[in-house]
C-alpha atoms as a PDB file:
ATOM      1  CA  GLN A   1    -144.680   3.303-123.218  1.00  0.00           C
ATOM      2  CA  VAL A   2    -141.464   5.101-122.378  1.00  0.00           C
ATOM      3  CA  HIS A   3    -141.365   8.456-121.190  1.00  0.00           C
ATOM      4  CA  LEU A   4    -137.846  10.455-121.388  1.00  0.00           C
ATOM      5  CA  VAL A   5    -137.253  13.806-119.308  1.00  0.00           C
ATOM      6  CA  GLU A   6    -134.087  15.827-120.069  1.00  0.00           C
ATOM      7  CA  SER A   7    -132.448  18.440-117.804  1.00  0.00           C
ATOM      8  CA  GLY A   8    -129.384  20.116-117.109  1.00  0.00           C
ATOM      9  CA  GLY A   9    -129.255  22.666-120.065  1.00  0.00           C
ATOM     10  CA  GLY A  10    -128.327  26.054-119.812  1.00  0.00           C
ATOM     11  CA  VAL A  11    -126.250  29.015-120.864  1.00  0.00           C
ATOM     12  CA  VAL A  12    -122.447  28.061-120.259  1.00  0.00           C
ATOM     13  CA  GLN A  13    -119.071  29.828-121.042  1.00  0.00           C
ATOM     14  CA  ALA A  14    -116.685  28.013-123.679  1.00  0.00           C
ATOM     15  CA  GLY A  15    -114.344  26.134-122.085  1.00  0.00           C
ATOM     16  CA  ARG A  16    -116.730  25.387-118.930  1.00  0.00           C
ATOM     17  CA  SER A  17    -118.561  22.248-118.163  1.00  0.00           C
ATOM     18  CA  LEU A  18    -121.897  21.116-117.919  1.00  0.00           C
ATOM     19  CA  ARG A  19    -123.993  18.132-117.002  1.00  0.00           C
ATOM     20  CA  LEU A  20    -127.159  16.652-118.862  1.00  0.00           C
ATOM     21  CA  SER A  21    -129.366  14.180-116.914  1.00  0.00           C
ATOM     22  CA  CYS A  22    -131.981  11.609-118.727  1.00  0.00           C
ATOM     23  CA  GLU A  23    -134.471   9.693-116.693  1.00  0.00           C
ATOM     24  CA  ALA A  24    -136.289   7.290-118.321  1.00  0.00           C
ATOM     25  CA  SER A  25    -139.566   5.390-117.288  1.00  0.00           C
ATOM     26  CA  GLY A  26    -139.993   1.495-117.711  1.00  0.00           C
ATOM     27  CA  PRO A  27    -137.841  -1.391-116.862  1.00  0.00           C
ATOM     28  CA  PRO A  28    -133.878  -1.497-117.464  1.00  0.00           C
ATOM     29  CA  GLY A  29    -134.050  -4.961-118.364  1.00  0.00           C
ATOM     30  CA  SER A  30    -136.193  -4.175-121.760  1.00  0.00           C
ATOM     31  CA  ARG A  31    -133.654  -1.616-122.680  1.00  0.00           C
ATOM     32  CA  LEU A  32    -130.795  -2.201-125.059  1.00  0.00           C
ATOM     33  CA  ALA A  33    -128.991   1.299-125.306  1.00  0.00           C
ATOM     34  CA  MET A  34    -129.609   4.845-124.319  1.00  0.00           C
ATOM     35  CA  GLY A  35    -127.819   7.525-126.410  1.00  0.00           C
ATOM     36  CA  TRP A  36    -127.566  11.196-126.757  1.00  0.00           C
ATOM     37  CA  PHE A  37    -128.593  13.587-129.849  1.00  0.00           C
ATOM     38  CA  ARG A  38    -128.245  17.173-130.688  1.00  0.00           C
ATOM     39  CA  GLN A  39    -129.935  19.497-133.327  1.00  0.00           C
ATOM     40  CA  THR A  40    -129.381  22.774-134.330  1.00  0.00           C
ATOM     41  CA  PRO A  41    -131.884  25.112-136.694  1.00  0.00           C
ATOM     42  CA  GLY A  42    -131.694  23.785-140.197  1.00  0.00           C
ATOM     43  CA  LYS A  43    -129.465  20.838-139.466  1.00  0.00           C
ATOM     44  CA  GLU A  44    -130.482  17.140-138.952  1.00  0.00           C
ATOM     45  CA  ARG A  45    -130.094  15.820-135.498  1.00  0.00           C
ATOM     46  CA  GLU A  46    -126.659  14.115-134.795  1.00  0.00           C
ATOM     47  CA  PHE A  47    -125.469  11.724-132.479  1.00  0.00           C
ATOM     48  CA  VAL A  48    -123.470  12.521-129.652  1.00  0.00           C
ATOM     49  CA  ALA A  49    -122.991   9.712-127.566  1.00  0.00           C
ATOM     50  CA  ALA A  50    -124.807   6.428-126.578  1.00  0.00           C
ATOM     51  CA  VAL A  51    -124.092   3.838-123.760  1.00  0.00           C
ATOM     52  CA  THR A  52    -125.376  -0.093-123.843  1.00  0.00           C
ATOM     53  CA  TRP A  53    -127.155  -1.203-120.555  1.00  0.00           C
ATOM     54  CA  SER A  54    -125.464  -4.647-120.773  1.00  0.00           C
ATOM     55  CA  GLY A  55    -121.897  -4.189-120.625  1.00  0.00           C
ATOM     56  CA  ASP A  56    -121.610  -0.542-120.328  1.00  0.00           C
ATOM     57  CA  ASN A  57    -120.081  -0.204-123.570  1.00  0.00           C
ATOM     58  CA  THR A  58    -119.641   3.856-124.626  1.00  0.00           C
ATOM     59  CA  TYR A  59    -119.579   5.024-128.149  1.00  0.00           C
ATOM     60  CA  TYR A  60    -118.710   8.761-129.150  1.00  0.00           C
ATOM     61  CA  ALA A  61    -118.768  11.275-132.061  1.00  0.00           C
ATOM     62  CA  ASP A  62    -115.614  12.089-132.947  1.00  0.00           C
ATOM     63  CA  SER A  63    -116.411  16.030-132.580  1.00  0.00           C
ATOM     64  CA  VAL A  64    -117.236  15.280-128.745  1.00  0.00           C
ATOM     65  CA  LYS A  65    -114.280  12.580-128.039  1.00  0.00           C
ATOM     66  CA  GLY A  66    -112.088  13.062-125.007  1.00  0.00           C
ATOM     67  CA  ARG A  67    -114.530  16.017-124.112  1.00  0.00           C
ATOM     68  CA  PHE A  68    -117.962  14.359-123.312  1.00  0.00           C
ATOM     69  CA  THR A  69    -118.541  11.380-121.068  1.00  0.00           C
ATOM     70  CA  ILE A  70    -121.798   9.368-121.092  1.00  0.00           C
ATOM     71  CA  SER A  71    -122.530   7.469-117.820  1.00  0.00           C
ATOM     72  CA  ARG A  72    -125.752   5.398-116.569  1.00  0.00           C
ATOM     73  CA  GLU A  73    -126.832   4.476-113.428  1.00  0.00           C
ATOM     74  CA  ASN A  74    -127.462   0.579-113.442  1.00  0.00           C
ATOM     75  CA  ASP A  75    -130.632   0.660-110.417  1.00  0.00           C
ATOM     76  CA  LYS A  76    -132.177   3.620-111.565  1.00  0.00           C
ATOM     77  CA  ASN A  77    -133.255   4.890-115.164  1.00  0.00           C
ATOM     78  CA  VAL A  78    -131.056   7.617-115.667  1.00  0.00           C
ATOM     79  CA  VAL A  79    -128.237   8.399-118.079  1.00  0.00           C
ATOM     80  CA  TYR A  80    -125.839  11.268-117.706  1.00  0.00           C
ATOM     81  CA  LEU A  81    -123.742  13.520-120.376  1.00  0.00           C
ATOM     82  CA  GLN A  82    -120.860  15.096-118.717  1.00  0.00           C
ATOM     83  CA  MET A  83    -119.678  17.786-121.030  1.00  0.00           C
ATOM     84  CA  ASN A  84    -116.283  19.337-120.758  1.00  0.00           C
ATOM     85  CA  GLY A  85    -114.352  21.811-122.565  1.00  0.00           C
ATOM     86  CA  LEU A  86    -117.345  23.231-124.142  1.00  0.00           C
ATOM     87  CA  LYS A  87    -117.207  25.258-127.549  1.00  0.00           C
ATOM     88  CA  ARG A  88    -119.623  27.561-129.141  1.00  0.00           C
ATOM     89  CA  GLU A  89    -120.144  24.542-131.850  1.00  0.00           C
ATOM     90  CA  ASP A  90    -121.554  22.400-128.905  1.00  0.00           C
ATOM     91  CA  THR A  91    -124.500  25.115-128.914  1.00  0.00           C
ATOM     92  CA  ALA A  92    -127.676  22.884-129.834  1.00  0.00           C
ATOM     93  CA  VAL A  93    -130.785  21.297-128.151  1.00  0.00           C
ATOM     94  CA  TYR A  94    -129.921  18.014-126.929  1.00  0.00           C
ATOM     95  CA  TYR A  95    -132.212  15.044-126.920  1.00  0.00           C
ATOM     96  CA  CYS A  96    -132.172  11.604-124.755  1.00  0.00           C
ATOM     97  CA  ALA A  97    -133.234   8.717-126.571  1.00  0.00           C
ATOM     98  CA  VAL A  98    -133.688   5.011-125.969  1.00  0.00           C
ATOM     99  CA  ALA A  99    -133.253   1.844-128.385  1.00  0.00           C
ATOM    100  CA  LEU A 100    -135.313  -1.183-127.259  1.00  0.00           C
ATOM    101  CA  TYR A 101    -134.577  -3.333-130.186  1.00  0.00           C
ATOM    102  CA  GLY A 102    -131.714  -4.954-131.763  1.00  0.00           C
ATOM    103  CA  PRO A 103    -129.102  -4.520-132.929  1.00  0.00           C
ATOM    104  CA  PRO A 104    -129.105  -1.175-132.992  1.00  0.00           C
ATOM    105  CA  ILE A 105    -126.494   0.930-134.887  1.00  0.00           C
ATOM    106  CA  LEU A 106    -125.806   3.488-132.418  1.00  0.00           C
ATOM    107  CA  MET A 107    -124.926   6.270-134.364  1.00  0.00           C
ATOM    108  CA  ARG A 108    -128.283   6.259-136.285  1.00  0.00           C
ATOM    109  CA  ARG A 109    -131.354   8.250-135.100  1.00  0.00           C
ATOM    110  CA  GLN A 110    -133.669   5.575-136.625  1.00  0.00           C
ATOM    111  CA  SER A 111    -132.586   3.013-134.503  1.00  0.00           C
ATOM    112  CA  TYR A 112    -133.921   4.648-131.537  1.00  0.00           C
ATOM    113  CA  ASP A 113    -137.625   4.230-130.325  1.00  0.00           C
ATOM    114  CA  TYR A 114    -138.328   6.849-128.023  1.00  0.00           C
ATOM    115  CA  TRP A 115    -137.053  10.334-127.623  1.00  0.00           C
ATOM    116  CA  GLY A 116    -137.258  13.077-124.789  1.00  0.00           C
ATOM    117  CA  GLN A 117    -138.422  16.864-125.294  1.00  0.00           C
ATOM    118  CA  GLY A 118    -135.055  18.292-125.360  1.00  0.00           C
ATOM    119  CA  THR A 119    -132.956  20.493-123.560  1.00  0.00           C
ATOM    120  CA  GLN A 120    -130.991  23.731-124.989  1.00  0.00           C
ATOM    121  CA  VAL A 121    -127.316  24.118-124.277  1.00  0.00           C
ATOM    122  CA  THR A 122    -126.220  27.644-125.210  1.00  0.00           C
ATOM    123  CA  VAL A 123    -122.351  28.233-125.162  1.00  0.00           C
ATOM    124  CA  SER A 124    -121.341  31.666-125.294  1.00  0.00           C
ATOM    125  CA  SER A 125    -117.778  33.323-125.952  1.00  0.00           C
END
């Protein structure tokens, strides 16, 4: 069983920054990757960013590349999403997810096995 809890969401003005956190239960040694997805009403959950636990490789959607940064802590089951230069189109519920089996296709939601409850990010004008 893996339990994920996101935090850090809120309302922020366009151009400002916000940092999301995700704390996961379970041993890091059994984890292949963790990722962030986001979803707006009426649309499918879309890939935002991911980080592998071994090698610390990061991957980003084109829409957030250069603005968002995903990172993790080695000795803690925590992953972060630093969001800079926020735009109105970034408004969504952001979900943290973990992939336990590989090789995962990190941009596909089907590759992830457990999901958090989500945290709302609202970017105002």
